[in-house]
Each structure stands twice: as structure tokens, then as C-alpha cells.
Amino acid sequence: MKIQKETFARRRVQLKRDMQSGLLLFLGNDEVGMNYADNSYRFRQDSTFFYFIGLDYAGLAAVIDVDNDTETVFGNNLTIDDIVWTGTQPSLREKAAAVGISNTRPLNELKACLDNARAKGQPIHFLPPYRGDHRVWLYELLGIEPKAQPAEASVPFVKAIVSQRNHKDEEELRLIEESVDLSTEMHLAAYRTVRPGIHESQVAAIVEEVACRHGNVLAFPTIATVQGQVLHNHGFIHDLKEGDIFLLDAGAETKNHYAGDLSSSMPVGDKFNDRQAEVYNIHLRSFQAAVDKLQPGRPFREAHLAAATEIARGMKELGLMKGDPEEAAQVGAYALFFPCGLGHMMGLDVHDMENLGEQYVGYADGQVKSKQFGFKSLRLARPLEKGFVFTVEPGIYFIPELMDRWEAEHQFTDFICYDRLRPWRDFTGLRNELNYVITDDGARLLGTLKKPMTIEEVYAAKG
């Protein structure tokens, strides 16, 4: 499904209406050398540039002059040397016309355009750079001496973009569901593959082949491991053994760059053992507790606390925690077993717009992000609104180093039974993740394919 130029034009009109005045600067991404210039990483366009400008080519910039109602793409046409290596591409003018922009200029004229705006006292709005080459380019374009002063990104510009991109329309939802369905296929391939005697890398290869076979790429580096207590474990260094829990966190990015993000946990052998099944079912209870809180107007932080409360209640049932589970969630004692946030926004970025700042994307004005361990990792806490797309991903982890640290520091001794933890040090961890959109009166699970969640569904998927 291709995004029509009218969609990009409509987005720009809305942005100009929201910003009201000034010059809006968009820096597209360029090729980046992996270990030398000609051996580059896979090109990925900046998501905000793509969302508003719609061009998926390297070496471009764009300016929207709100005061004069003009839109200009800056770039260069290919030379014969370029064409030898890349093949023929449309001209710059043809590229711009395809997304509804009629004005084009050579890239080396961008600085003069910005200088002219500054001379007239016209404010120039730009976004926080997340690449080193963009930071240098921005300093050069705006005449900023890096040691003299930092480049202050435009907060009104960030907020206007977040306000628009946070609300997915029906066209975007269809694109996201394509990615979610492809991500589900990736996970189903893992369920059929995981068994004793193979290597983590073999599972990862089969999972990633699904995305590649459909002509798509990964939304983020795959996590495929029997050491699930390491939250971002990309190593693929372990053999799978009977009695292990295998954790997969993987998602696809389709050609329009929208992402899917799912995680799954499964036994390496035919069945979970009794202890694993008990923890898995506690996790499912926490997942459902979070989903039950998904309503427009209700802060996502409440869903996080609901999941944390259920995890604390489950750990109390296992004899690993004590006291009131709700209080354990409120004060943060739950974070020994659930040290990360429940979920995050998702769209063109798997962590949507994280480069623009979690404070603006996942938190409402006046809502302060906690600095406490556990809560500080909550990327989304704001009241939910129709069109918000996000992940729900509680997990239960037994991290020996964290247990030792908290016990030595006498952390939350009113809630944690440290003397009962030692037999659990080798449990590792598990999680499941699904993707949702907020509707008029609740939340809808995204995707037309079902990812296994219950123990019975997991066993059936393994065959």
C-alpha cells in the first residue's frame, strides 16, 4: 500500500496551521559509512522528514516557510558517477512533484535560504539532532559555534509534530497492521523452530528471513535468547537446552517504514515446567490487568501500575514478596522483577518519536517523569487519546545482579523476601508484547493474525 501525495500535503497543511509562523527546517538522513564511506549501513530516512515530506532518498533537506506559505525541497540531481553505482533515479523536481511540492533548489543554497530568514528576523524552527553529522550540519547552517552555545531545538515545533504524529489515522493504522501481521508471522516461525539442540542464531535467522522474504526489513535488532533476564540481549551466543525459556522480541518494518513490535516467551522443550508455568500465568494476569485499563482519557501510567500490582501479587503468592501488592507497586518495590516500562508509542519509529524526547511524546504538559528505578523507564504515562498506537509488554525477570544490589542496600525490605530468592536466581525472564490503538470507547488489538499468548496456545503453536 503506497501513501498518496495528498496525505503528505494534508500533513504539511496541518503543521503550518499549528505553527502559524516561522521557517520549519527538515534535515533528511544521508548515507552513513559502516567501516568506510562506500560500505554504508542500510539507508533509513528520518521519520519526521518522511512523515511530512514523503521522500525516501538520501541527501535531502526541506524548508516550509509558514509566513509565505511555500514548501521547498533542497537536494542535488545524480551525476553520471552516481548513476553508475545507483542506477537511474527521478530528477529532484520529479521527486518533489510526486509528494506535492513544486519548489526545488540545489542543496548548497540551503544555507543562503536560512541566512536570509535570519536577516529578516524570521524564526527558524528545527528538531533535536540525533546523528553526529546532523549536529555538525545544523551548526554550519545556522552559524553556531559548538563550544560557544548549544543548538536549542524548537519546543513548539516538537510539540506540533508530536501532536500530529501521536494520532494515527485510518491510513496509518492499515500500514501499521501490515507490519504487525508480518511481525506475527516472524514469531509463529520461531514457535515452530525452537527446540533443544539448536542455537539462538538459527532461530534469529529463520525469524529475520520472514521479513526479508516479503521484501521488508527489521524494525529493530532482534532479541532471540534463552537469557531473557538481559532485557536487550542481541548476542545470539547460546545453545538451546531442555528446560530453558526462549524469549523472542522481534518486529518488521514494511516499505512505508511503519513498525510492528511483538515479544513472545516459550519453552524450548515441549512444555514449561511447573515453576515456569506458574510465573508465565502470573505474567498473563499482569498483561490482562494492564489491558483492562486501556481507555481514552485514562493515563497509561495506571495500566503500568495495574500490571506492576499483579506481578507483586503473584510474587507474594510464590513467597518472594510480602505486604500489600498495590502499595508495593506504588512505591516501586515491584521493579525488582519488572524494572522496565509497560510500553511505548509505536508508528514510523518502533519507539515512536523517541528522538524528539519522551517528555513530549509520552508525557502530558505538567506531567513529570520519575527518576526512580523502574518508573524512570516508563516511556508512556500520559492520558490516552483516540488514535494513539502503543505496545503493552509487561515482563517478569529474575536478575541476580539486581537482587544482590538491592539486598546489599536493604531496598524495600518490607516487601521483598530476600531469603527466598536464591533458588530463583537461574530462572531468567519472560515477557509477551502486543500492539493496541485507542478507539472512541476503549482499545483495539492490532493485527489480523493471532500471536499465541496462553500456555495452551503456545503449546499448539509449537506443534
Protein backbone atom coordinates (compact mmCIF):
# COMPACT_ATOMS: atom_id res chain seq x y z
CA MET A 1 0.00 0.00 0.00
CA LYS A 2 1.53 3.32 -1.12
CA ILE A 3 0.97 6.57 0.76
CA GLN A 4 -0.62 9.11 -1.60
CA LYS A 5 0.88 12.57 -2.12
CA GLU A 6 -2.37 14.10 -0.86
CA THR A 7 -1.64 12.57 2.55
CA PHE A 8 1.75 14.27 2.79
CA ALA A 9 0.25 17.57 1.59
CA ARG A 10 -2.52 17.35 4.19
CA ARG A 11 0.04 16.76 6.94
CA ARG A 12 2.02 19.83 5.89
CA VAL A 13 -1.11 21.99 5.83
CA GLN A 14 -1.95 20.92 9.37
CA LEU A 15 1.60 21.60 10.54
CA LYS A 16 1.58 25.12 9.05
CA ARG A 17 -1.74 25.78 10.75
CA ASP A 18 -0.38 24.60 14.10
CA MET A 19 2.91 26.52 13.84
CA GLN A 20 1.36 29.75 12.48
CA SER A 21 4.69 31.44 11.65
CA GLY A 22 8.40 30.88 11.07
CA LEU A 23 10.60 28.73 8.88
CA LEU A 24 10.45 24.97 9.51
CA LEU A 25 13.68 23.12 8.77
CA PHE A 26 13.71 19.38 8.00
CA LEU A 27 17.04 17.59 7.60
CA GLY A 28 16.77 14.28 5.77
CA ASN A 29 19.20 11.48 6.52
CA ASP A 30 22.24 10.69 4.42
CA GLU A 31 24.22 7.54 3.77
CA VAL A 32 26.45 6.60 6.73
CA GLY A 33 29.62 4.56 6.32
CA MET A 34 29.80 1.36 8.32
CA ASN A 35 33.58 0.98 8.27
CA TYR A 36 34.44 3.14 5.27
CA ALA A 37 32.46 5.62 3.20
CA ASP A 38 31.39 3.35 0.35
CA ASN A 39 30.36 0.48 2.64
CA SER A 40 27.32 2.10 4.18
CA TYR A 41 24.64 1.00 6.59
CA ARG A 42 21.21 0.38 5.11
CA PHE A 43 19.74 3.81 4.38
CA ARG A 44 16.81 4.78 6.58
CA GLN A 45 15.12 8.13 6.12
CA ASP A 46 14.45 10.34 9.12
CA SER A 47 10.90 9.54 10.21
CA THR A 48 9.71 13.12 10.64
CA PHE A 49 11.17 14.08 7.27
CA PHE A 50 9.34 11.14 5.70
CA TYR A 51 6.08 11.84 7.54
CA PHE A 52 5.79 15.40 6.22
CA ILE A 53 7.95 15.48 3.08
CA GLY A 54 7.41 11.90 1.89
CA LEU A 55 10.73 11.43 0.09
CA ASP A 56 12.73 8.28 0.81
CA TYR A 57 16.05 9.34 -0.70
CA ALA A 58 19.39 10.25 0.88
CA GLY A 59 20.92 13.71 0.77
CA LEU A 60 17.83 15.91 1.01
CA ALA A 61 16.58 18.75 3.18
CA ALA A 62 13.34 20.70 3.12
CA VAL A 63 12.03 24.05 4.31
CA ILE A 64 8.44 25.05 4.95
CA ASP A 65 8.06 28.82 5.08
CA VAL A 66 4.88 29.24 7.11
CA ASP A 67 4.75 33.03 6.67
CA ASN A 68 4.93 32.86 2.88
CA ASP A 69 3.16 29.50 2.51
CA THR A 70 5.96 27.90 0.49
CA GLU A 71 7.47 24.42 0.58
CA THR A 72 10.91 23.72 -0.88
CA VAL A 73 12.99 20.58 -1.24
CA PHE A 74 16.77 21.05 -1.34
CA GLY A 75 18.96 18.42 -2.97
CA ASN A 76 21.08 17.53 -5.96
CA ASN A 77 20.41 15.57 -9.10
CA LEU A 78 22.52 12.47 -9.67
CA THR A 79 25.78 12.80 -11.57
CA ILE A 80 26.90 10.16 -14.05
CA ASP A 81 29.26 8.83 -11.38
CA ASP A 82 26.28 8.35 -9.05
CA ILE A 83 24.19 6.66 -11.73
CA VAL A 84 26.95 4.11 -12.43
CA TRP A 85 26.58 2.89 -8.85
CA THR A 86 22.91 3.50 -8.06
CA GLY A 87 21.14 3.36 -11.39
CA THR A 88 18.79 5.99 -12.73
CA GLN A 89 16.54 7.88 -10.35
CA PRO A 90 13.94 10.59 -10.92
CA SER A 91 15.20 14.16 -11.04
CA LEU A 92 14.91 16.29 -7.90
CA ARG A 93 11.96 18.12 -9.43
CA GLU A 94 10.21 14.83 -10.26
CA LYS A 95 10.81 13.52 -6.76
CA ALA A 96 9.33 16.65 -5.18
CA ALA A 97 6.35 16.72 -7.54
CA ALA A 98 5.48 13.15 -6.55
CA VAL A 99 4.77 14.37 -3.00
CA GLY A 100 3.03 17.59 -3.99
CA ILE A 101 5.94 20.04 -3.70
CA SER A 102 6.72 22.26 -6.69
CA ASN A 103 9.75 24.21 -5.44
CA THR A 104 13.24 22.67 -5.58
CA ARG A 105 16.70 24.15 -5.11
CA PRO A 106 20.27 22.81 -5.03
CA LEU A 107 21.42 21.64 -1.63
CA ASN A 108 24.19 24.25 -1.45
CA GLU A 109 21.55 27.00 -1.46
CA LEU A 110 20.03 25.85 1.83
CA LYS A 111 22.36 27.96 3.97
CA ALA A 112 21.59 31.12 1.96
CA CYS A 113 17.87 30.46 2.48
CA LEU A 114 18.38 30.21 6.24
CA ASP A 115 20.70 33.23 6.32
CA ASN A 116 18.04 35.28 4.54
CA ALA A 117 15.43 34.23 7.08
CA ARG A 118 17.70 35.16 9.98
CA ALA A 119 18.47 38.53 8.41
CA LYS A 120 14.73 39.27 8.26
CA GLY A 121 14.26 38.18 11.87
CA GLN A 122 12.20 35.16 10.84
CA PRO A 123 12.41 32.40 13.47
CA ILE A 124 13.94 29.13 12.26
CA HIS A 125 12.44 26.04 13.89
CA PHE A 126 14.47 22.83 13.92
CA LEU A 127 14.37 19.48 15.69
CA PRO A 128 16.91 17.97 18.10
CA PRO A 129 19.57 16.17 16.01
CA TYR A 130 20.23 12.52 16.90
CA ARG A 131 23.08 11.92 14.43
CA GLY A 132 26.51 13.45 14.72
CA ASP A 133 26.59 14.51 11.07
CA HIS A 134 23.25 16.30 11.50
CA ARG A 135 24.54 18.14 14.54
CA VAL A 136 27.57 19.39 12.63
CA TRP A 137 25.44 20.27 9.59
CA LEU A 138 23.00 22.18 11.78
CA TYR A 139 25.78 24.19 13.39
CA GLU A 140 27.17 25.06 9.95
CA LEU A 141 23.77 26.04 8.55
CA LEU A 142 22.87 28.26 11.49
CA GLY A 143 26.34 29.70 12.11
CA ILE A 144 26.56 28.28 15.61
CA GLU A 145 29.95 27.76 17.23
CA PRO A 146 29.54 24.41 19.08
CA LYS A 147 31.73 25.46 22.02
CA ALA A 148 30.01 28.81 22.38
CA GLN A 149 26.40 27.70 22.77
CA PRO A 150 24.22 24.64 22.31
CA ALA A 151 21.73 24.47 19.47
CA GLU A 152 18.34 24.76 21.16
CA ALA A 153 15.69 22.80 19.29
CA SER A 154 12.30 24.43 18.89
CA VAL A 155 9.92 23.14 21.57
CA PRO A 156 6.81 24.50 19.76
CA PHE A 157 7.96 22.66 16.60
CA VAL A 158 8.48 19.43 18.56
CA LYS A 159 5.07 19.72 20.24
CA ALA A 160 3.28 20.43 16.94
CA ILE A 161 4.86 17.36 15.34
CA VAL A 162 4.14 15.13 18.34
CA SER A 163 0.53 16.28 18.46
CA GLN A 164 0.06 15.26 14.84
CA ARG A 165 2.12 12.07 14.72
CA ASN A 166 0.73 10.72 18.00
CA HIS A 167 -2.73 10.41 16.43
CA LYS A 168 -2.79 7.72 13.76
CA ASP A 169 -5.47 7.96 11.09
CA GLU A 170 -7.09 5.01 9.32
CA GLU A 171 -4.48 5.01 6.54
CA GLU A 172 -1.66 4.76 9.07
CA LEU A 173 -3.48 2.07 11.03
CA ARG A 174 -3.73 -0.08 7.91
CA LEU A 175 0.01 0.35 7.32
CA ILE A 176 0.83 -0.46 10.94
CA GLU A 177 -1.37 -3.57 10.84
CA GLU A 178 0.57 -4.80 7.80
CA SER A 179 3.72 -4.56 9.90
CA VAL A 180 2.08 -6.20 12.92
CA ASP A 181 0.84 -9.13 10.81
CA LEU A 182 4.28 -9.62 9.32
CA SER A 183 5.78 -9.44 12.81
CA THR A 184 3.31 -12.11 13.94
CA GLU A 185 4.46 -14.35 11.07
CA MET A 186 8.01 -13.91 12.35
CA HIS A 187 7.01 -15.05 15.82
CA LEU A 188 4.99 -18.00 14.56
CA ALA A 189 8.12 -19.14 12.70
CA ALA A 190 10.00 -19.07 15.99
CA TYR A 191 7.38 -21.18 17.79
CA ARG A 192 7.75 -23.83 15.07
CA THR A 193 11.56 -23.70 15.21
CA VAL A 194 12.55 -23.54 18.87
CA ARG A 195 13.66 -26.91 20.23
CA PRO A 196 16.58 -28.38 22.20
CA GLY A 197 19.90 -28.68 20.39
CA ILE A 198 19.75 -25.67 18.08
CA HIS A 199 21.43 -22.29 18.50
CA GLU A 200 19.94 -18.86 19.18
CA SER A 201 21.37 -17.63 15.90
CA GLN A 202 19.45 -20.32 13.97
CA VAL A 203 16.15 -19.11 15.38
CA ALA A 204 17.06 -15.48 14.69
CA ALA A 205 17.94 -16.35 11.09
CA ILE A 206 14.58 -18.04 10.48
CA VAL A 207 12.70 -15.17 12.11
CA GLU A 208 14.51 -12.49 10.12
CA GLU A 209 14.13 -14.45 6.88
CA VAL A 210 10.35 -13.96 7.12
CA ALA A 211 10.73 -10.18 6.92
CA CYS A 212 13.33 -10.43 4.16
CA ARG A 213 11.26 -12.86 2.10
CA HIS A 214 8.44 -10.31 1.98
CA GLY A 215 10.84 -7.59 0.82
CA ASN A 216 10.90 -5.81 4.17
CA VAL A 217 13.40 -5.16 6.94
CA LEU A 218 13.58 -5.30 10.73
CA ALA A 219 12.06 -2.56 12.85
CA PHE A 220 14.87 -3.05 15.41
CA PRO A 221 17.66 -5.55 16.13
CA THR A 222 16.18 -8.94 17.01
CA ILE A 223 16.37 -10.29 20.55
CA ALA A 224 16.35 -14.11 20.46
CA THR A 225 17.71 -15.62 23.63
CA VAL A 226 17.46 -18.09 26.48
CA GLN A 227 18.85 -15.39 28.77
CA GLY A 228 15.70 -13.28 28.88
CA GLN A 229 16.67 -11.54 32.11
CA VAL A 230 19.03 -9.43 29.97
CA LEU A 231 16.46 -7.03 28.56
CA HIS A 232 18.28 -6.20 25.31
CA ASN A 233 20.23 -9.37 24.59
CA HIS A 234 21.38 -9.28 20.95
CA GLY A 235 24.30 -11.71 21.22
CA PHE A 236 22.89 -14.99 19.77
CA ILE A 237 25.59 -16.96 21.61
CA HIS A 238 23.71 -19.72 23.43
CA ASP A 239 22.61 -23.24 22.58
CA LEU A 240 19.00 -24.09 23.44
CA LYS A 241 18.54 -26.79 26.08
CA GLU A 242 15.60 -28.68 27.53
CA GLY A 243 14.23 -26.66 30.46
CA ASP A 244 15.17 -23.25 29.01
CA ILE A 245 12.69 -20.45 28.35
CA PHE A 246 13.25 -18.87 24.94
CA LEU A 247 12.42 -15.18 24.59
CA LEU A 248 11.90 -13.51 21.21
CA ASP A 249 11.48 -9.76 20.75
CA ALA A 250 11.24 -9.01 17.04
CA GLY A 251 9.30 -6.85 14.63
CA ALA A 252 9.11 -5.93 10.98
CA GLU A 253 9.29 -2.58 9.25
CA THR A 254 7.45 -2.52 5.94
CA LYS A 255 8.29 -0.45 2.87
CA ASN A 256 6.37 2.57 4.17
CA HIS A 257 8.52 2.40 7.34
CA TYR A 258 5.74 1.66 9.81
CA ALA A 259 6.76 -0.77 12.54
CA GLY A 260 5.45 -3.76 14.40
CA ASP A 261 6.82 -4.78 17.80
CA LEU A 262 6.00 -8.12 19.44
CA SER A 263 7.62 -10.32 22.04
CA SER A 264 6.99 -13.96 22.90
CA SER A 265 8.16 -16.44 25.50
CA MET A 266 8.07 -20.19 25.04
CA PRO A 267 9.57 -23.39 26.43
CA VAL A 268 12.49 -24.80 24.49
CA GLY A 269 11.13 -28.30 25.09
CA ASP A 270 7.53 -29.38 24.65
CA LYS A 271 6.25 -27.91 27.92
CA PHE A 272 7.04 -25.38 30.63
CA ASN A 273 7.97 -26.96 33.95
CA ASP A 274 5.61 -26.29 36.87
CA ARG A 275 7.56 -23.29 38.17
CA GLN A 276 7.82 -21.73 34.72
CA ALA A 277 4.12 -22.25 34.03
CA GLU A 278 3.23 -20.59 37.34
CA VAL A 279 5.29 -17.50 36.53
CA TYR A 280 4.02 -17.42 32.95
CA ASN A 281 0.42 -17.36 34.17
CA ILE A 282 1.21 -14.57 36.65
CA HIS A 283 2.61 -12.66 33.72
CA LEU A 284 -0.60 -13.23 31.71
CA ARG A 285 -2.62 -11.89 34.64
CA SER A 286 -0.48 -8.77 34.68
CA PHE A 287 -0.95 -8.37 30.94
CA GLN A 288 -4.73 -8.57 31.21
CA ALA A 289 -4.75 -6.19 34.18
CA ALA A 290 -2.95 -3.62 32.04
CA VAL A 291 -5.24 -4.11 29.03
CA ASP A 292 -8.30 -3.66 31.26
CA LYS A 293 -7.09 -0.09 31.99
CA LEU A 294 -6.81 0.98 28.34
CA GLN A 295 -9.44 3.68 27.91
CA PRO A 296 -9.42 7.14 26.30
CA GLY A 297 -8.70 9.74 28.97
CA ARG A 298 -7.07 7.27 31.36
CA PRO A 299 -3.31 7.71 31.92
CA PHE A 300 -1.19 4.85 30.62
CA ARG A 301 0.64 5.04 33.95
CA GLU A 302 -2.44 3.43 35.51
CA ALA A 303 -2.06 0.46 33.16
CA HIS A 304 1.60 0.18 34.17
CA LEU A 305 0.65 0.22 37.85
CA ALA A 306 -2.06 -2.38 37.27
CA ALA A 307 0.50 -4.73 35.70
CA ALA A 308 3.01 -4.00 38.47
CA THR A 309 0.39 -4.70 41.16
CA GLU A 310 -0.48 -8.05 39.62
CA ILE A 311 3.20 -9.00 39.38
CA ALA A 312 3.69 -8.09 43.04
CA ARG A 313 0.61 -10.14 43.94
CA GLY A 314 1.98 -13.11 42.01
CA MET A 315 5.40 -12.82 43.63
CA LYS A 316 3.68 -12.78 47.01
CA GLU A 317 1.87 -16.00 46.07
CA LEU A 318 5.27 -17.54 45.31
CA GLY A 319 6.60 -16.39 48.69
CA LEU A 320 9.04 -13.89 47.15
CA MET A 321 7.23 -10.72 48.24
CA LYS A 322 5.08 -9.71 51.18
CA GLY A 323 2.81 -6.84 52.19
CA ASP A 324 0.17 -5.08 50.14
CA PRO A 325 0.71 -5.60 46.37
CA GLU A 326 -0.86 -2.25 45.48
CA GLU A 327 1.44 -0.43 47.89
CA ALA A 328 4.41 -2.42 46.55
CA ALA A 329 3.54 -1.14 43.08
CA GLN A 330 3.04 2.46 44.17
CA VAL A 331 6.40 2.71 46.00
CA GLY A 332 8.37 0.82 43.31
CA ALA A 333 9.23 -2.43 45.11
CA TYR A 334 7.79 -4.38 42.13
CA ALA A 335 10.71 -3.18 39.97
CA LEU A 336 12.99 -5.94 41.26
CA PHE A 337 11.01 -8.24 38.95
CA PHE A 338 9.74 -5.70 36.39
CA PRO A 339 12.42 -2.99 36.00
CA CYS A 340 11.22 -1.57 32.67
CA GLY A 341 8.18 0.34 31.46
CA LEU A 342 4.94 -1.29 30.32
CA GLY A 343 5.02 0.08 26.77
CA HIS A 344 5.75 2.88 24.34
CA MET A 345 4.24 4.72 21.39
CA MET A 346 4.71 2.98 18.05
CA GLY A 347 4.41 4.13 14.43
CA LEU A 348 7.08 5.20 11.95
CA ASP A 349 9.57 4.51 14.73
CA VAL A 350 9.29 1.39 16.83
CA HIS A 351 9.67 3.76 19.80
CA ASP A 352 7.74 6.47 18.05
CA MET A 353 9.44 9.89 18.03
CA GLU A 354 11.81 8.97 20.84
CA ASN A 355 14.38 11.26 19.20
CA LEU A 356 12.04 14.19 19.89
CA GLY A 357 12.01 13.50 23.63
CA GLU A 358 9.98 11.16 25.83
CA GLN A 359 8.82 14.12 27.89
CA TYR A 360 6.91 15.49 24.89
CA VAL A 361 5.79 12.20 23.33
CA GLY A 362 4.85 10.04 26.29
CA TYR A 363 4.03 12.64 28.95
CA ALA A 364 1.44 15.42 29.04
CA ASP A 365 2.28 19.04 29.79
CA GLY A 366 2.88 19.34 33.51
CA GLN A 367 3.36 15.60 33.96
CA VAL A 368 6.78 14.96 35.49
CA LYS A 369 8.81 11.89 34.53
CA SER A 370 10.01 9.96 37.56
CA LYS A 371 13.70 9.45 38.25
CA GLN A 372 13.08 6.35 40.38
CA PHE A 373 14.35 2.98 39.21
CA GLY A 374 11.57 1.19 37.34
CA PHE A 375 9.33 4.22 36.92
CA LYS A 376 12.09 6.15 35.13
CA SER A 377 11.92 3.57 32.31
CA LEU A 378 8.22 4.24 31.69
CA ARG A 379 8.26 5.83 28.24
CA LEU A 380 4.50 6.38 28.10
CA ALA A 381 2.47 7.72 31.02
CA ARG A 382 0.12 10.36 29.59
CA PRO A 383 -3.67 10.12 29.32
CA LEU A 384 -4.57 8.04 26.28
CA GLU A 385 -6.35 9.58 23.30
CA LYS A 386 -8.13 8.18 20.28
CA GLY A 387 -5.60 7.22 17.60
CA PHE A 388 -2.71 6.55 19.99
CA VAL A 389 -0.85 3.37 18.96
CA PHE A 390 1.36 1.74 21.56
CA THR A 391 2.71 -1.53 22.90
CA VAL A 392 1.73 -3.42 26.05
CA GLU A 393 4.64 -5.51 27.33
CA PRO A 394 4.85 -6.48 30.98
CA GLY A 395 7.61 -8.89 31.90
CA ILE A 396 8.91 -10.85 34.87
CA TYR A 397 12.67 -11.06 35.26
CA PHE A 398 15.00 -12.62 37.81
CA ILE A 399 18.24 -10.64 37.55
CA PRO A 400 20.87 -11.94 40.02
CA GLU A 401 22.96 -8.77 39.94
CA LEU A 402 19.91 -6.63 40.74
CA MET A 403 18.84 -8.98 43.55
CA ASP A 404 22.33 -8.76 45.10
CA ARG A 405 22.44 -4.96 44.79
CA TRP A 406 19.04 -4.39 46.36
CA GLU A 407 19.69 -6.88 49.17
CA ALA A 408 23.03 -5.24 50.00
CA GLU A 409 21.33 -1.83 50.06
CA HIS A 410 18.38 -3.15 52.13
CA GLN A 411 15.94 -1.93 49.50
CA PHE A 412 12.22 -2.46 50.18
CA THR A 413 12.74 -4.99 52.97
CA ASP A 414 9.09 -4.52 53.96
CA PHE A 415 8.07 -6.05 50.63
CA ILE A 416 10.82 -8.37 49.36
CA CYS A 417 11.69 -11.73 50.92
CA TYR A 418 15.38 -11.81 50.07
CA ASP A 419 15.90 -15.09 51.97
CA ARG A 420 13.56 -16.83 49.49
CA LEU A 421 15.16 -15.55 46.27
CA ARG A 422 18.25 -17.74 45.99
CA PRO A 423 16.53 -20.76 44.33
CA TRP A 424 15.17 -18.38 41.68
CA ARG A 425 18.45 -16.85 40.55
CA ASP A 426 18.62 -19.04 37.42
CA PHE A 427 15.00 -18.55 36.31
CA THR A 428 15.97 -15.90 33.64
CA GLY A 429 12.94 -13.96 32.40
CA LEU A 430 9.88 -13.83 30.17
CA ARG A 431 7.60 -11.32 28.51
CA ASN A 432 4.91 -11.02 25.86
CA GLU A 433 4.02 -7.93 23.85
CA LEU A 434 1.06 -6.92 21.70
CA ASN A 435 0.15 -3.67 19.93
CA TYR A 436 -3.01 -1.61 20.52
CA VAL A 437 -4.81 1.50 19.27
CA ILE A 438 -7.14 3.63 21.36
CA THR A 439 -10.68 3.89 19.96
CA ASP A 440 -13.70 6.02 20.91
CA ASP A 441 -14.56 3.82 23.87
CA GLY A 442 -11.62 1.52 24.56
CA ALA A 443 -8.69 -0.15 22.85
CA ARG A 444 -8.38 -2.43 19.83
CA LEU A 445 -5.74 -5.11 19.39
CA LEU A 446 -3.88 -4.51 16.14
CA GLY A 447 -3.26 -7.20 13.56
CA THR A 448 -5.42 -9.80 11.86
CA LEU A 449 -3.17 -12.75 12.80
CA LYS A 450 -3.20 -14.10 16.34
CA LYS A 451 0.02 -14.37 18.30
CA PRO A 452 -0.06 -17.15 20.92
CA MET A 453 -0.49 -15.89 24.49
CA THR A 454 -1.98 -18.57 26.74
CA ILE A 455 0.04 -21.65 27.62
CA GLU A 456 -2.33 -23.80 25.57
CA GLU A 457 -1.87 -21.51 22.54
CA VAL A 458 1.90 -21.62 22.98
CA TYR A 459 1.95 -25.42 23.02
CA ALA A 460 -0.33 -25.59 19.97
CA ALA A 461 1.92 -23.15 18.04
CA LYS A 462 4.96 -25.29 18.79
CA GLY A 463 3.20 -28.27 17.22
